[in-house]
Amino acid sequence: MIEPERIEQIVAVVTRAGLTPGTVSALREVFPEMHFTHCLDDDIGGPQPVREAAGFNLYLVDGHDHCMRFTDAPERATGVVLAELTEED
């Protein structure tokens, strides 16, 4: 489970610091129980982001049952995908 407040904290950090490998690394250190992935939003096809912010979208991942899948349910989430928006998005 990822608390909604935690999602807001992550969005605030990335909004302030920018979506960079360093920011993602810092998030991994602060929240070691969560899995973080950084990619381009163009690489994600289908699901709607849980949060949209300036320069990136945030998606949740459910890693239960030995299979990774996107989810919109924070109570099922085990990880976060931070997907960078390009100028074409």
PDB file of N, CA and C in Angstrom:
ATOM      1  N   MET A   1       0.839  -1.186   0.000  1.00  0.00           N
ATOM      2  CA  MET A   1       0.000   0.000   0.000  1.00  0.00           C
ATOM      3  C   MET A   1       0.882   1.248   0.000  1.00  0.00           C
ATOM      4  N   ILE A   2       0.492   2.192  -0.802  1.00  0.00           N
ATOM      5  CA  ILE A   2       1.141   3.492  -0.800  1.00  0.00           C
ATOM      6  C   ILE A   2       0.076   4.515  -0.398  1.00  0.00           C
ATOM      7  N   GLU A   3       0.293   5.128   0.741  1.00  0.00           N
ATOM      8  CA  GLU A   3      -0.669   6.102   1.262  1.00  0.00           C
ATOM      9  C   GLU A   3      -0.809   7.286   0.291  1.00  0.00           C
ATOM     10  N   PRO A   4      -2.017   7.805   0.133  1.00  0.00           N
ATOM     11  CA  PRO A   4      -2.211   8.979  -0.723  1.00  0.00           C
ATOM     12  C   PRO A   4      -1.317  10.160  -0.326  1.00  0.00           C
ATOM     13  N   GLU A   5      -1.059  10.308   0.963  1.00  0.00           N
ATOM     14  CA  GLU A   5      -0.179  11.382   1.420  1.00  0.00           C
ATOM     15  C   GLU A   5       1.241  11.190   0.896  1.00  0.00           C
ATOM     16  N   ARG A   6       1.676   9.938   0.820  1.00  0.00           N
ATOM     17  CA  ARG A   6       3.010   9.620   0.305  1.00  0.00           C
ATOM     18  C   ARG A   6       3.085   9.978  -1.178  1.00  0.00           C
ATOM     19  N   ILE A   7       2.018   9.703  -1.921  1.00  0.00           N
ATOM     20  CA  ILE A   7       1.974  10.060  -3.341  1.00  0.00           C
ATOM     21  C   ILE A   7       2.137  11.571  -3.484  1.00  0.00           C
ATOM     22  N   GLU A   8       1.440  12.324  -2.644  1.00  0.00           N
ATOM     23  CA  GLU A   8       1.547  13.782  -2.696  1.00  0.00           C
ATOM     24  C   GLU A   8       2.960  14.248  -2.358  1.00  0.00           C
ATOM     25  N   GLN A   9       3.612  13.593  -1.397  1.00  0.00           N
ATOM     26  CA  GLN A   9       4.993  13.930  -1.052  1.00  0.00           C
ATOM     27  C   GLN A   9       5.920  13.694  -2.238  1.00  0.00           C
ATOM     28  N   ILE A  10       5.744  12.572  -2.916  1.00  0.00           N
ATOM     29  CA  ILE A  10       6.580  12.244  -4.076  1.00  0.00           C
ATOM     30  C   ILE A  10       6.378  13.286  -5.175  1.00  0.00           C
ATOM     31  N   VAL A  11       5.127  13.630  -5.450  1.00  0.00           N
ATOM     32  CA  VAL A  11       4.841  14.639  -6.477  1.00  0.00           C
ATOM     33  C   VAL A  11       5.487  15.969  -6.095  1.00  0.00           C
ATOM     34  N   ALA A  12       5.402  16.345  -4.828  1.00  0.00           N
ATOM     35  CA  ALA A  12       5.990  17.615  -4.383  1.00  0.00           C
ATOM     36  C   ALA A  12       7.507  17.615  -4.554  1.00  0.00           C
ATOM     37  N   VAL A  13       8.165  16.508  -4.192  1.00  0.00           N
ATOM     38  CA  VAL A  13       9.627  16.417  -4.321  1.00  0.00           C
ATOM     39  C   VAL A  13      10.040  16.526  -5.781  1.00  0.00           C
ATOM     40  N   VAL A  14       9.380  15.764  -6.647  1.00  0.00           N
ATOM     41  CA  VAL A  14       9.759  15.760  -8.058  1.00  0.00           C
ATOM     42  C   VAL A  14       9.428  17.096  -8.711  1.00  0.00           C
ATOM     43  N   THR A  15       8.351  17.722  -8.312  1.00  0.00           N
ATOM     44  CA  THR A  15       8.002  19.036  -8.856  1.00  0.00           C
ATOM     45  C   THR A  15       9.066  20.061  -8.479  1.00  0.00           C
ATOM     46  N   ARG A  16       9.530  20.004  -7.235  1.00  0.00           N
ATOM     47  CA  ARG A  16      10.550  20.945  -6.767  1.00  0.00           C
ATOM     48  C   ARG A  16      11.918  20.672  -7.374  1.00  0.00           C
ATOM     49  N   ALA A  17      12.333  19.404  -7.350  1.00  0.00           N
ATOM     50  CA  ALA A  17      13.703  19.042  -7.745  1.00  0.00           C
ATOM     51  C   ALA A  17      13.845  18.725  -9.224  1.00  0.00           C
ATOM     52  N   GLY A  18      12.741  18.418  -9.893  1.00  0.00           N
ATOM     53  CA  GLY A  18      12.804  17.989 -11.280  1.00  0.00           C
ATOM     54  C   GLY A  18      12.950  16.479 -11.357  1.00  0.00           C
ATOM     55  N   LEU A  19      12.505  15.913 -12.453  1.00  0.00           N
ATOM     56  CA  LEU A  19      12.597  14.468 -12.648  1.00  0.00           C
ATOM     57  C   LEU A  19      13.942  14.146 -13.287  1.00  0.00           C
ATOM     58  N   THR A  20      14.888  13.770 -12.433  1.00  0.00           N
ATOM     59  CA  THR A  20      16.242  13.427 -12.871  1.00  0.00           C
ATOM     60  C   THR A  20      16.632  12.096 -12.238  1.00  0.00           C
ATOM     61  N   PRO A  21      17.666  11.448 -12.756  1.00  0.00           N
ATOM     62  CA  PRO A  21      18.142  10.222 -12.104  1.00  0.00           C
ATOM     63  C   PRO A  21      18.516  10.468 -10.637  1.00  0.00           C
ATOM     64  N   GLY A  22      19.064  11.645 -10.330  1.00  0.00           N
ATOM     65  CA  GLY A  22      19.415  11.957  -8.951  1.00  0.00           C
ATOM     66  C   GLY A  22      18.205  12.040  -8.040  1.00  0.00           C
ATOM     67  N   THR A  23      17.134  12.622  -8.539  1.00  0.00           N
ATOM     68  CA  THR A  23      15.902  12.716  -7.756  1.00  0.00           C
ATOM     69  C   THR A  23      15.330  11.333  -7.499  1.00  0.00           C
ATOM     70  N   VAL A  24      15.308  10.494  -8.519  1.00  0.00           N
ATOM     71  CA  VAL A  24      14.782   9.136  -8.367  1.00  0.00           C
ATOM     72  C   VAL A  24      15.651   8.357  -7.378  1.00  0.00           C
ATOM     73  N   SER A  25      16.947   8.523  -7.455  1.00  0.00           N
ATOM     74  CA  SER A  25      17.862   7.861  -6.517  1.00  0.00           C
ATOM     75  C   SER A  25      17.592   8.312  -5.085  1.00  0.00           C
ATOM     76  N   ALA A  26      17.375   9.605  -4.893  1.00  0.00           N
ATOM     77  CA  ALA A  26      17.077  10.131  -3.557  1.00  0.00           C
ATOM     78  C   ALA A  26      15.757   9.566  -3.035  1.00  0.00           C
ATOM     79  N   LEU A  27      14.757   9.458  -3.895  1.00  0.00           N
ATOM     80  CA  LEU A  27      13.481   8.873  -3.478  1.00  0.00           C
ATOM     81  C   LEU A  27      13.659   7.417  -3.064  1.00  0.00           C
ATOM     82  N   ARG A  28      14.483   6.682  -3.773  1.00  0.00           N
ATOM     83  CA  ARG A  28      14.743   5.277  -3.414  1.00  0.00           C
ATOM     84  C   ARG A  28      15.387   5.174  -2.035  1.00  0.00           C
ATOM     85  N   GLU A  29      16.260   6.128  -1.715  1.00  0.00           N
ATOM     86  CA  GLU A  29      16.910   6.123  -0.401  1.00  0.00           C
ATOM     87  C   GLU A  29      15.933   6.468   0.709  1.00  0.00           C
ATOM     88  N   VAL A  30      15.065   7.442   0.464  1.00  0.00           N
ATOM     89  CA  VAL A  30      14.113   7.890   1.481  1.00  0.00           C
ATOM     90  C   VAL A  30      12.987   6.875   1.682  1.00  0.00           C
ATOM     91  N   PHE A  31      12.567   6.231   0.608  1.00  0.00           N
ATOM     92  CA  PHE A  31      11.462   5.268   0.661  1.00  0.00           C
ATOM     93  C   PHE A  31      11.940   3.899   0.157  1.00  0.00           C
ATOM     94  N   PRO A  32      12.799   3.210   0.901  1.00  0.00           N
ATOM     95  CA  PRO A  32      13.373   1.952   0.402  1.00  0.00           C
ATOM     96  C   PRO A  32      12.357   0.823   0.236  1.00  0.00           C
ATOM     97  N   GLU A  33      11.200   0.954   0.838  1.00  0.00           N
ATOM     98  CA  GLU A  33      10.180  -0.087   0.726  1.00  0.00           C
ATOM     99  C   GLU A  33       9.422  -0.025  -0.600  1.00  0.00           C
ATOM    100  N   MET A  34       9.612   1.052  -1.355  1.00  0.00           N
ATOM    101  CA  MET A  34       8.913   1.229  -2.623  1.00  0.00           C
ATOM    102  C   MET A  34       9.859   1.045  -3.796  1.00  0.00           C
ATOM    103  N   HIS A  35       9.307   0.581  -4.889  1.00  0.00           N
ATOM    104  CA  HIS A  35      10.054   0.459  -6.139  1.00  0.00           C
ATOM    105  C   HIS A  35       9.757   1.696  -6.981  1.00  0.00           C
ATOM    106  N   PHE A  36      10.809   2.344  -7.491  1.00  0.00           N
ATOM    107  CA  PHE A  36      10.662   3.518  -8.345  1.00  0.00           C
ATOM    108  C   PHE A  36      11.223   3.222  -9.729  1.00  0.00           C
ATOM    109  N   THR A  37      10.472   3.618 -10.751  1.00  0.00           N
ATOM    110  CA  THR A  37      10.917   3.498 -12.132  1.00  0.00           C
ATOM    111  C   THR A  37      10.807   4.872 -12.779  1.00  0.00           C
ATOM    112  N   HIS A  38      11.808   5.219 -13.585  1.00  0.00           N
ATOM    113  CA  HIS A  38      11.827   6.487 -14.328  1.00  0.00           C
ATOM    114  C   HIS A  38      11.856   6.125 -15.801  1.00  0.00           C
ATOM    115  N   CYS A  39      10.921   6.662 -16.558  1.00  0.00           N
ATOM    116  CA  CYS A  39      10.885   6.396 -17.997  1.00  0.00           C
ATOM    117  C   CYS A  39      10.234   7.584 -18.697  1.00  0.00           C
ATOM    118  N   LEU A  40      10.121   7.485 -19.999  1.00  0.00           N
ATOM    119  CA  LEU A  40       9.382   8.486 -20.766  1.00  0.00           C
ATOM    120  C   LEU A  40       7.900   8.114 -20.774  1.00  0.00           C
ATOM    121  N   ASP A  41       7.044   9.108 -20.728  1.00  0.00           N
ATOM    122  CA  ASP A  41       5.612   8.832 -20.737  1.00  0.00           C
ATOM    123  C   ASP A  41       5.196   8.146 -22.036  1.00  0.00           C
ATOM    124  N   ASP A  42       5.914   8.413 -23.124  1.00  0.00           N
ATOM    125  CA  ASP A  42       5.613   7.760 -24.405  1.00  0.00           C
ATOM    126  C   ASP A  42       5.784   6.243 -24.332  1.00  0.00           C
ATOM    127  N   ASP A  43       6.576   5.760 -23.363  1.00  0.00           N
ATOM    128  CA  ASP A  43       6.810   4.327 -23.225  1.00  0.00           C
ATOM    129  C   ASP A  43       5.652   3.606 -22.550  1.00  0.00           C
ATOM    130  N   ILE A  44       4.712   4.360 -22.015  1.00  0.00           N
ATOM    131  CA  ILE A  44       3.570   3.767 -21.311  1.00  0.00           C
ATOM    132  C   ILE A  44       2.363   3.857 -22.227  1.00  0.00           C
ATOM    133  N   GLY A  45       1.775   2.738 -22.473  1.00  0.00           N
ATOM    134  CA  GLY A  45       0.608   2.724 -23.353  1.00  0.00           C
ATOM    135  C   GLY A  45      -0.607   2.184 -22.630  1.00  0.00           C
ATOM    136  N   GLY A  46      -1.618   2.991 -22.530  1.00  0.00           N
ATOM    137  CA  GLY A  46      -2.868   2.484 -21.993  1.00  0.00           C
ATOM    138  C   GLY A  46      -3.361   3.123 -20.710  1.00  0.00           C
ATOM    139  N   PRO A  47      -2.694   2.880 -19.595  1.00  0.00           N
ATOM    140  CA  PRO A  47      -3.285   3.344 -18.336  1.00  0.00           C
ATOM    141  C   PRO A  47      -3.235   4.866 -18.201  1.00  0.00           C
ATOM    142  N   GLN A  48      -4.166   5.375 -17.436  1.00  0.00           N
ATOM    143  CA  GLN A  48      -4.184   6.795 -17.119  1.00  0.00           C
ATOM    144  C   GLN A  48      -3.311   7.038 -15.892  1.00  0.00           C
ATOM    145  N   PRO A  49      -2.601   8.156 -15.856  1.00  0.00           N
ATOM    146  CA  PRO A  49      -1.786   8.438 -14.675  1.00  0.00           C
ATOM    147  C   PRO A  49      -2.655   8.682 -13.445  1.00  0.00           C
ATOM    148  N   VAL A  50      -2.102   8.358 -12.299  1.00  0.00           N
ATOM    149  CA  VAL A  50      -2.780   8.637 -11.038  1.00  0.00           C
ATOM    150  C   VAL A  50      -2.687  10.127 -10.729  1.00  0.00           C
ATOM    151  N   ARG A  51      -1.548  10.716 -11.081  1.00  0.00           N
ATOM    152  CA  ARG A  51      -1.341  12.151 -10.917  1.00  0.00           C
ATOM    153  C   ARG A  51      -0.633  12.705 -12.140  1.00  0.00           C
ATOM    154  N   GLU A  52      -1.041  13.884 -12.560  1.00  0.00           N
ATOM    155  CA  GLU A  52      -0.376  14.607 -13.635  1.00  0.00           C
ATOM    156  C   GLU A  52       0.256  15.844 -13.016  1.00  0.00           C
ATOM    157  N   ALA A  53       1.486  16.129 -13.393  1.00  0.00           N
ATOM    158  CA  ALA A  53       2.196  17.298 -12.862  1.00  0.00           C
ATOM    159  C   ALA A  53       3.008  17.919 -13.992  1.00  0.00           C
ATOM    160  N   ALA A  54       3.554  19.084 -13.726  1.00  0.00           N
ATOM    161  CA  ALA A  54       4.363  19.772 -14.731  1.00  0.00           C
ATOM    162  C   ALA A  54       5.598  18.944 -15.057  1.00  0.00           C
ATOM    163  N   GLY A  55       5.662  18.447 -16.276  1.00  0.00           N
ATOM    164  CA  GLY A  55       6.837  17.718 -16.738  1.00  0.00           C
ATOM    165  C   GLY A  55       6.825  16.218 -16.531  1.00  0.00           C
ATOM    166  N   PHE A  56       5.844  15.696 -15.795  1.00  0.00           N
ATOM    167  CA  PHE A  56       5.808  14.241 -15.575  1.00  0.00           C
ATOM    168  C   PHE A  56       4.411  13.781 -15.177  1.00  0.00           C
ATOM    169  N   ASN A  57       4.195  12.483 -15.354  1.00  0.00           N
ATOM    170  CA  ASN A  57       2.993  11.803 -14.869  1.00  0.00           C
ATOM    171  C   ASN A  57       3.431  10.740 -13.874  1.00  0.00           C
ATOM    172  N   LEU A  58       2.578  10.481 -12.898  1.00  0.00           N
ATOM    173  CA  LEU A  58       2.860   9.458 -11.896  1.00  0.00           C
ATOM    174  C   LEU A  58       1.858   8.328 -12.049  1.00  0.00           C
ATOM    175  N   TYR A  59       2.387   7.117 -12.152  1.00  0.00           N
ATOM    176  CA  TYR A  59       1.579   5.904 -12.248  1.00  0.00           C
ATOM    177  C   TYR A  59       1.908   5.026 -11.050  1.00  0.00           C
ATOM    178  N   LEU A  60       0.967   4.197 -10.657  1.00  0.00           N
ATOM    179  CA  LEU A  60       1.200   3.228  -9.582  1.00  0.00           C
ATOM    180  C   LEU A  60       1.312   1.837 -10.170  1.00  0.00           C
ATOM    181  N   VAL A  61       2.140   1.023  -9.528  1.00  0.00           N
ATOM    182  CA  VAL A  61       2.370  -0.351  -9.968  1.00  0.00           C
ATOM    183  C   VAL A  61       1.992  -1.299  -8.830  1.00  0.00           C
ATOM    184  N   ASP A  62       1.323  -2.371  -9.180  1.00  0.00           N
ATOM    185  CA  ASP A  62       0.955  -3.437  -8.245  1.00  0.00           C
ATOM    186  C   ASP A  62       1.846  -4.636  -8.537  1.00  0.00           C
ATOM    187  N   GLY A  63       2.676  -5.013  -7.565  1.00  0.00           N
ATOM    188  CA  GLY A  63       3.584  -6.141  -7.744  1.00  0.00           C
ATOM    189  C   GLY A  63       3.153  -7.386  -6.999  1.00  0.00           C
ATOM    190  N   HIS A  64       1.911  -7.431  -6.549  1.00  0.00           N
ATOM    191  CA  HIS A  64       1.416  -8.615  -5.851  1.00  0.00           C
ATOM    192  C   HIS A  64       1.238  -9.775  -6.834  1.00  0.00           C
ATOM    193  N   ASP A  65       1.156 -10.947  -6.320  1.00  0.00           N
ATOM    194  CA  ASP A  65       0.887 -12.141  -7.122  1.00  0.00           C
ATOM    195  C   ASP A  65       1.955 -12.397  -8.183  1.00  0.00           C
ATOM    196  N   HIS A  66       3.193 -11.967  -7.925  1.00  0.00           N
ATOM    197  CA  HIS A  66       4.356 -12.251  -8.777  1.00  0.00           C
ATOM    198  C   HIS A  66       4.240 -11.701 -10.197  1.00  0.00           C
ATOM    199  N   CYS A  67       3.400 -10.685 -10.378  1.00  0.00           N
ATOM    200  CA  CYS A  67       3.236 -10.107 -11.704  1.00  0.00           C
ATOM    201  C   CYS A  67       3.071  -8.599 -11.550  1.00  0.00           C
ATOM    202  N   MET A  68       3.824  -7.836 -12.330  1.00  0.00           N
ATOM    203  CA  MET A  68       3.734  -6.376 -12.272  1.00  0.00           C
ATOM    204  C   MET A  68       2.634  -5.892 -13.208  1.00  0.00           C
ATOM    205  N   ARG A  69       1.817  -4.966 -12.710  1.00  0.00           N
ATOM    206  CA  ARG A  69       0.775  -4.360 -13.540  1.00  0.00           C
ATOM    207  C   ARG A  69       0.465  -2.971 -12.990  1.00  0.00           C
ATOM    208  N   PHE A  70      -0.020  -2.109 -13.853  1.00  0.00           N
ATOM    209  CA  PHE A  70      -0.426  -0.779 -13.426  1.00  0.00           C
ATOM    210  C   PHE A  70      -1.710  -0.893 -12.628  1.00  0.00           C
ATOM    211  N   THR A  71      -1.871   0.031 -11.674  1.00  0.00           N
ATOM    212  CA  THR A  71      -3.092   0.086 -10.879  1.00  0.00           C
ATOM    213  C   THR A  71      -3.425   1.538 -10.583  1.00  0.00           C
ATOM    214  N   ASP A  72      -4.680   1.798 -10.323  1.00  0.00           N
ATOM    215  CA  ASP A  72      -5.059   3.129  -9.853  1.00  0.00           C
ATOM    216  C   ASP A  72      -5.462   3.081  -8.386  1.00  0.00           C
ATOM    217  N   ALA A  73      -5.218   1.938  -7.751  1.00  0.00           N
ATOM    218  CA  ALA A  73      -5.606   1.726  -6.355  1.00  0.00           C
ATOM    219  C   ALA A  73      -4.378   1.818  -5.438  1.00  0.00           C
ATOM    220  N   PRO A  74      -4.237   2.906  -4.692  1.00  0.00           N
ATOM    221  CA  PRO A  74      -3.089   3.039  -3.786  1.00  0.00           C
ATOM    222  C   PRO A  74      -2.969   1.882  -2.795  1.00  0.00           C
ATOM    223  N   GLU A  75      -4.082   1.296  -2.407  1.00  0.00           N
ATOM    224  CA  GLU A  75      -4.036   0.186  -1.449  1.00  0.00           C
ATOM    225  C   GLU A  75      -3.409  -1.078  -2.042  1.00  0.00           C
ATOM    226  N   ARG A  76      -3.316  -1.173  -3.355  1.00  0.00           N
ATOM    227  CA  ARG A  76      -2.675  -2.315  -4.021  1.00  0.00           C
ATOM    228  C   ARG A  76      -1.268  -1.987  -4.508  1.00  0.00           C
ATOM    229  N   ALA A  77      -0.889  -0.732  -4.461  1.00  0.00           N
ATOM    230  CA  ALA A  77       0.365  -0.289  -5.070  1.00  0.00           C
ATOM    231  C   ALA A  77       1.582  -0.699  -4.247  1.00  0.00           C
ATOM    232  N   THR A  78       2.612  -1.113  -4.974  1.00  0.00           N
ATOM    233  CA  THR A  78       3.905  -1.452  -4.365  1.00  0.00           C
ATOM    234  C   THR A  78       5.025  -0.601  -4.943  1.00  0.00           C
ATOM    235  N   GLY A  79       4.719   0.149  -5.997  1.00  0.00           N
ATOM    236  CA  GLY A  79       5.745   0.955  -6.629  1.00  0.00           C
ATOM    237  C   GLY A  79       5.162   2.107  -7.413  1.00  0.00           C
ATOM    238  N   VAL A  80       6.090   2.972  -7.857  1.00  0.00           N
ATOM    239  CA  VAL A  80       5.720   4.198  -8.560  1.00  0.00           C
ATOM    240  C   VAL A  80       6.510   4.279  -9.861  1.00  0.00           C
ATOM    241  N   VAL A  81       5.834   4.682 -10.917  1.00  0.00           N
ATOM    242  CA  VAL A  81       6.499   4.988 -12.188  1.00  0.00           C
ATOM    243  C   VAL A  81       6.387   6.501 -12.374  1.00  0.00           C
ATOM    244  N   LEU A  82       7.544   7.131 -12.514  1.00  0.00           N
ATOM    245  CA  LEU A  82       7.614   8.558 -12.811  1.00  0.00           C
ATOM    246  C   LEU A  82       7.936   8.687 -14.284  1.00  0.00           C
ATOM    247  N   ALA A  83       6.952   9.115 -15.051  1.00  0.00           N
ATOM    248  CA  ALA A  83       7.075   9.129 -16.509  1.00  0.00           C
ATOM    249  C   ALA A  83       7.232  10.561 -16.993  1.00  0.00           C
ATOM    250  N   GLU A  84       8.389  10.804 -17.580  1.00  0.00           N
ATOM    251  CA  GLU A  84       8.755  12.141 -18.048  1.00  0.00           C
ATOM    252  C   GLU A  84       7.992  12.508 -19.316  1.00  0.00           C
ATOM    253  N   LEU A  85       7.432  13.712 -19.309  1.00  0.00           N
ATOM    254  CA  LEU A  85       6.737  14.226 -20.483  1.00  0.00           C
ATOM    255  C   LEU A  85       7.730  14.918 -21.394  1.00  0.00           C
ATOM    256  N   THR A  86       7.575  14.707 -22.698  1.00  0.00           N
ATOM    257  CA  THR A  86       8.411  15.401 -23.663  1.00  0.00           C
ATOM    258  C   THR A  86       7.611  16.572 -24.221  1.00  0.00           C
ATOM    259  N   GLU A  87       8.252  17.404 -24.992  1.00  0.00           N
ATOM    260  CA  GLU A  87       7.555  18.570 -25.531  1.00  0.00           C
ATOM    261  C   GLU A  87       6.410  18.190 -26.456  1.00  0.00           C
ATOM    262  N   GLU A  88       6.450  17.002 -27.056  1.00  0.00           N
ATOM    263  CA  GLU A  88       5.379  16.557 -27.948  1.00  0.00           C
ATOM    264  C   GLU A  88       4.156  16.115 -27.175  1.00  0.00           C
ATOM    265  N   ASP A  89       4.304  15.794 -25.871  1.00  0.00           N
ATOM    266  CA  ASP A  89       3.175  15.273 -25.071  1.00  0.00           C
ATOM    267  C   ASP A  89       2.165  16.335 -24.763  1.00  0.00           C
TER     268      ASP A  89
END
